[in-house]
Amino acid sequence: MSHPVAIIQARIGSTRLRGKVLLPLCGSPMLWHIVQRCRAAEGIADVVVATTDQPADDAIVAMCTAYGIPCFRGSEHDVLDRYYQAALAYGTDPVIRVTGDCPLVMPDLITNVLRCLEDGQYDLVGVNTGAGASEGWQYPDGVDTEGFTQQTLWWLWRFAPQGSAREHVSPYAWHHPDYVRIGRIVAPEDLGAYRWTVDHAEDYALVKHIYDALWQPDRHFTLDDVVEYLAAHSEICQLNREHVGAEGYEKLWAEIE
C-alpha cells in the first residue's frame, strides 16, 4: 500500500549560514514553515525531519518535539543512508525529498511529483532534477523537490559510491538512465533566474521579505504569488543577486561523473 512521506533533510552545521533552518520567519522557525508547506501537499501521509546524530542537531530535535513533528537521526555526511534508514523506519513508499534550505517549497509541485510517481512510469521524479538548465525550463532554485520509490532509494543506497553521490542523495541516478526511469517537472515558463534557496544571509533577507509580505496562517502562498510580488518589488531580487548561478550544478555533475 502506498504510504507517501515527505522527508526533510536538515542540520544546524551549514558552513555558509549556520543554524539557518531555525532562523525565524513570521515568528516561527524556517524549518517549521517547510514542514507545514509539505503537509499541505495533497496525498502526503506524513512529514518527517531527518537530521544528524551530531550534538549540535539536538536543537532540531528539540524544535520537532516542541511542535509534534516526527524526527529521525542519522549520518551527518552520508545523507543517502540517512534517507534510506528514515524511509525504512517510517514505512515510506514513495519518498518525497525536500531540503531544509527551501522555505518556499510549493505544495502543488510536491503533489505533481507524487502523482507522476503513482502513475508508475517513473522511478524518480523531480523539480529541477538533472545537470542544469540545459535540460529545459527551470523552476526557481529553492522550490526543488524530488520523489522516488523505495526500490529506487534502495538501489541508490546499495550502489552509489562514497562522496558527493551520497551527500546529495540522488545525482548518481542521473548518470544511470538505463536503470532509473527519470521524470522531470518542467516549468511552464523559464523561472531559473530566481534564487529562493537559503544558503547565505542575503538569501535569508530575500525570503524574509517574501514571508513578511505574503505569509498568512490559513493559506499557503503559491509560486505565482511570489513571482507577482517580486515583479512589483524588483529591488528585493537584488539582495542575493551575487549568489545566482549554475556553478553549483556544474561542479556537482563533474564530481559524480
Protein backbone atom coordinates (compact mmCIF):
# COMPACT_ATOMS: atom_id res chain seq x y z
CA MET A 1 0.00 0.00 0.00
CA SER A 2 1.27 3.44 -0.91
CA HIS A 3 2.49 5.46 2.07
CA PRO A 4 3.99 8.72 0.73
CA VAL A 5 6.09 10.56 3.30
CA ALA A 6 7.99 13.80 2.80
CA ILE A 7 11.40 13.58 4.43
CA ILE A 8 13.13 16.91 5.03
CA GLN A 9 16.89 16.84 5.49
CA ALA A 10 18.07 19.48 7.95
CA ARG A 11 21.08 20.21 10.13
CA ILE A 12 22.49 23.07 12.15
CA GLY A 13 26.02 22.91 10.79
CA SER A 14 25.68 24.71 7.48
CA THR A 15 29.10 26.12 6.60
CA ARG A 16 27.70 29.27 4.95
CA LEU A 17 24.82 30.17 7.26
CA ARG A 18 25.00 28.16 10.45
CA GLY A 19 21.67 27.44 12.11
CA LYS A 20 19.68 28.70 9.12
CA VAL A 21 16.93 26.08 9.48
CA LEU A 22 15.92 27.61 12.82
CA LEU A 23 16.03 31.24 11.74
CA PRO A 24 12.66 32.95 12.31
CA LEU A 25 10.12 33.68 9.61
CA CYS A 26 6.92 35.38 10.78
CA GLY A 27 7.53 34.22 14.34
CA SER A 28 8.28 30.52 13.68
CA PRO A 29 11.44 28.63 12.68
CA MET A 30 12.10 28.31 8.96
CA LEU A 31 12.04 24.52 9.28
CA TRP A 32 8.55 24.65 10.83
CA HIS A 33 7.28 26.52 7.77
CA ILE A 34 8.82 23.93 5.44
CA VAL A 35 7.05 21.16 7.36
CA GLN A 36 3.69 22.97 7.11
CA ARG A 37 4.08 23.52 3.38
CA CYS A 38 4.90 19.84 2.87
CA ARG A 39 1.90 18.83 4.97
CA ALA A 40 -0.31 20.95 2.71
CA ALA A 41 0.56 18.84 -0.34
CA GLU A 42 -2.31 16.61 -1.41
CA GLY A 43 -1.57 12.91 -0.90
CA ILE A 44 1.21 13.24 1.67
CA ALA A 45 0.65 10.85 4.57
CA ASP A 46 3.25 12.32 6.92
CA VAL A 47 6.24 14.64 7.12
CA VAL A 48 9.48 13.66 8.87
CA VAL A 49 12.56 15.74 9.62
CA ALA A 50 15.78 13.76 9.06
CA THR A 51 18.63 15.35 10.96
CA THR A 52 22.04 14.12 12.07
CA ASP A 53 23.28 12.31 15.14
CA GLN A 54 25.62 15.21 15.98
CA PRO A 55 25.12 17.07 19.30
CA ALA A 56 24.57 20.38 17.51
CA ASP A 57 21.39 18.97 15.99
CA ASP A 58 19.83 18.39 19.39
CA ALA A 59 18.34 21.83 18.74
CA ILE A 60 16.46 20.50 15.70
CA VAL A 61 15.20 17.53 17.69
CA ALA A 62 14.02 19.91 20.42
CA MET A 63 12.14 22.00 17.88
CA CYS A 64 10.49 18.94 16.39
CA THR A 65 9.50 17.72 19.86
CA ALA A 66 8.03 21.11 20.75
CA TYR A 67 5.89 21.18 17.60
CA GLY A 68 5.00 17.47 17.46
CA ILE A 69 6.96 16.82 14.26
CA PRO A 70 8.36 13.29 13.69
CA CYS A 71 12.16 13.32 13.68
CA PHE A 72 14.81 10.81 12.64
CA ARG A 73 18.56 10.99 13.32
CA GLY A 74 21.25 9.50 11.12
CA SER A 75 24.58 10.04 9.42
CA GLU A 76 25.79 13.61 9.04
CA HIS A 77 27.60 13.22 5.72
CA ASP A 78 26.07 10.06 4.22
CA VAL A 79 22.71 11.76 3.66
CA LEU A 80 21.65 8.95 1.34
CA ASP A 81 21.94 6.49 4.22
CA ARG A 82 20.02 8.91 6.45
CA TYR A 83 17.18 8.94 3.91
CA TYR A 84 17.22 5.20 3.44
CA GLN A 85 17.11 4.46 7.17
CA ALA A 86 14.40 7.09 7.75
CA ALA A 87 12.30 5.64 4.94
CA LEU A 88 12.58 2.16 6.45
CA ALA A 89 11.72 3.45 9.93
CA TYR A 90 8.53 5.15 8.71
CA GLY A 91 7.47 2.59 6.09
CA THR A 92 7.82 5.21 3.37
CA ASP A 93 6.99 4.44 -0.26
CA PRO A 94 7.31 6.60 -2.23
CA VAL A 95 9.75 9.03 -0.63
CA ILE A 96 9.41 12.76 -1.22
CA ARG A 97 12.72 14.54 -0.62
CA VAL A 98 12.84 18.17 0.47
CA THR A 99 15.84 20.07 1.80
CA GLY A 100 15.90 22.34 4.84
CA ASP A 101 17.08 25.34 2.84
CA CYS A 102 13.86 25.62 0.79
CA PRO A 103 11.25 27.57 2.78
CA LEU A 104 9.44 28.36 -0.47
CA VAL A 105 8.84 24.72 -1.39
CA MET A 106 5.48 24.57 -3.18
CA PRO A 107 2.75 22.13 -2.06
CA ASP A 108 1.31 21.81 -5.57
CA LEU A 109 4.70 20.83 -7.01
CA ILE A 110 5.06 18.15 -4.33
CA THR A 111 1.63 16.85 -5.35
CA ASN A 112 2.65 16.83 -9.03
CA VAL A 113 5.78 14.83 -8.22
CA LEU A 114 3.75 12.35 -6.20
CA ARG A 115 1.15 11.90 -8.96
CA CYS A 116 3.84 11.25 -11.56
CA LEU A 117 5.33 8.56 -9.35
CA GLU A 118 1.98 6.95 -8.70
CA ASP A 119 1.36 6.67 -12.45
CA GLY A 120 4.14 4.08 -12.48
CA GLN A 121 6.01 5.49 -15.48
CA TYR A 122 8.99 6.78 -13.49
CA ASP A 123 11.24 5.64 -10.67
CA LEU A 124 12.42 9.16 -9.79
CA VAL A 125 10.64 12.43 -10.49
CA GLY A 126 11.99 15.85 -9.67
CA VAL A 127 11.57 19.57 -9.89
CA ASN A 128 14.87 20.90 -11.28
CA THR A 129 16.27 17.36 -11.36
CA GLY A 130 19.24 16.98 -13.68
CA ALA A 131 22.53 18.60 -14.57
CA GLY A 132 21.21 22.10 -15.11
CA ALA A 133 19.12 24.50 -17.13
CA SER A 134 20.09 22.98 -20.49
CA GLU A 135 17.56 20.21 -19.90
CA GLY A 136 14.52 22.51 -20.13
CA TRP A 137 12.70 25.35 -18.49
CA GLN A 138 13.53 25.55 -14.84
CA TYR A 139 11.67 26.46 -11.70
CA PRO A 140 13.37 28.85 -9.26
CA ASP A 141 16.27 27.48 -7.25
CA GLY A 142 14.58 26.88 -3.91
CA VAL A 143 11.40 25.02 -4.86
CA ASP A 144 13.39 21.83 -5.54
CA THR A 145 11.53 18.62 -4.75
CA GLU A 146 12.25 15.00 -5.62
CA GLY A 147 10.34 11.79 -5.25
CA PHE A 148 11.42 8.20 -5.70
CA THR A 149 10.15 4.75 -5.00
CA GLN A 150 11.54 2.86 -2.05
CA GLN A 151 13.08 0.39 -4.53
CA THR A 152 14.93 3.26 -6.24
CA LEU A 153 16.14 4.57 -2.91
CA TRP A 154 17.44 1.08 -2.07
CA TRP A 155 19.25 0.93 -5.44
CA LEU A 156 20.91 4.27 -4.78
CA TRP A 157 21.81 3.26 -1.23
CA ARG A 158 23.28 -0.03 -2.46
CA PHE A 159 25.32 1.23 -5.43
CA ALA A 160 26.09 4.96 -5.10
CA PRO A 161 29.79 5.49 -4.29
CA GLN A 162 31.09 7.43 -1.32
CA GLY A 163 31.43 11.19 -1.61
CA SER A 164 29.15 13.67 -3.36
CA ALA A 165 26.87 10.95 -4.70
CA ARG A 166 25.83 10.08 -1.15
CA GLU A 167 25.93 13.58 0.27
CA HIS A 168 23.46 14.80 -2.38
CA VAL A 169 21.31 11.61 -2.36
CA SER A 170 20.07 11.26 -5.95
CA PRO A 171 22.61 12.54 -8.54
CA TYR A 172 24.05 9.05 -9.08
CA ALA A 173 20.74 8.15 -10.72
CA TRP A 174 21.14 10.95 -13.27
CA HIS A 175 24.08 9.06 -14.79
CA HIS A 176 22.20 5.76 -14.99
CA PRO A 177 19.03 6.33 -17.04
CA ASP A 178 19.22 2.68 -18.16
CA TYR A 179 18.49 1.65 -14.56
CA VAL A 180 16.36 4.53 -13.27
CA ARG A 181 13.45 5.99 -15.22
CA ILE A 182 13.71 9.72 -14.52
CA GLY A 183 10.90 12.21 -14.98
CA ARG A 184 11.11 15.98 -14.64
CA ILE A 185 8.52 18.58 -13.78
CA VAL A 186 9.27 21.35 -16.28
CA ALA A 187 8.20 24.92 -15.60
CA PRO A 188 5.60 26.45 -17.95
CA GLU A 189 7.99 29.37 -18.34
CA ASP A 190 11.66 29.87 -17.56
CA LEU A 191 11.95 30.99 -13.93
CA GLY A 192 15.53 29.83 -13.49
CA ALA A 193 16.85 33.33 -12.84
CA TYR A 194 15.18 33.39 -9.42
CA ARG A 195 17.12 32.21 -6.39
CA TRP A 196 14.89 31.36 -3.42
CA THR A 197 17.04 28.83 -1.61
CA VAL A 198 18.68 29.91 1.67
CA ASP A 199 22.44 29.39 1.80
CA HIS A 200 23.62 32.90 2.64
CA ALA A 201 22.47 35.80 4.80
CA GLU A 202 21.40 37.64 1.64
CA ASP A 203 19.16 34.69 0.67
CA TYR A 204 17.53 34.78 4.09
CA ALA A 205 16.93 38.51 3.76
CA LEU A 206 15.11 37.97 0.45
CA VAL A 207 12.97 35.12 1.80
CA LYS A 208 12.14 37.12 4.93
CA HIS A 209 10.78 39.93 2.74
CA ILE A 210 8.61 37.41 0.89
CA TYR A 211 7.25 35.86 4.07
CA ASP A 212 6.60 39.22 5.70
CA ALA A 213 4.56 40.25 2.67
CA LEU A 214 2.75 37.03 1.77
CA TRP A 215 2.50 34.63 4.72
CA GLN A 216 -0.94 34.01 6.18
CA PRO A 217 -1.73 31.48 8.92
CA ASP A 218 -4.66 29.97 6.99
CA ARG A 219 -3.32 30.00 3.42
CA HIS A 220 -0.11 28.84 1.74
CA PHE A 221 1.12 31.34 -0.81
CA THR A 222 1.77 29.99 -4.30
CA LEU A 223 4.59 30.29 -6.80
CA ASP A 224 2.50 32.79 -8.76
CA ASP A 225 2.05 34.87 -5.60
CA VAL A 226 5.81 35.09 -5.13
CA VAL A 227 6.56 35.86 -8.78
CA GLU A 228 3.90 38.59 -8.80
CA TYR A 229 5.24 40.10 -5.58
CA LEU A 230 8.83 40.14 -6.84
CA ALA A 231 7.75 41.63 -10.17
CA ALA A 232 6.27 44.54 -8.23
CA HIS A 233 9.33 44.81 -5.94
CA SER A 234 12.25 44.06 -8.25
CA GLU A 235 14.72 45.64 -5.84
CA ILE A 236 14.26 42.67 -3.49
CA CYS A 237 15.67 40.31 -6.12
CA GLN A 238 18.92 42.25 -5.95
CA LEU A 239 19.51 41.23 -2.33
CA ASN A 240 21.06 37.89 -3.28
CA ARG A 241 21.92 38.54 -6.92
CA GLU A 242 25.62 37.85 -6.32
CA HIS A 243 24.80 34.23 -5.44
CA VAL A 244 22.71 33.43 -8.54
CA GLY A 245 24.34 31.00 -10.94
CA ALA A 246 24.59 27.42 -12.16
CA GLU A 247 28.15 26.79 -10.97
CA GLY A 248 26.98 24.50 -8.19
CA TYR A 249 25.14 22.21 -10.59
CA GLU A 250 28.12 22.04 -12.93
CA LYS A 251 30.57 21.27 -10.13
CA LEU A 252 28.35 18.56 -8.67
CA TRP A 253 27.82 16.99 -12.07
CA ALA A 254 31.58 16.86 -12.73
CA GLU A 255 32.33 15.34 -9.30
CA ILE A 256 29.86 12.47 -9.67
CA GLU A 257 30.64 11.75 -13.30
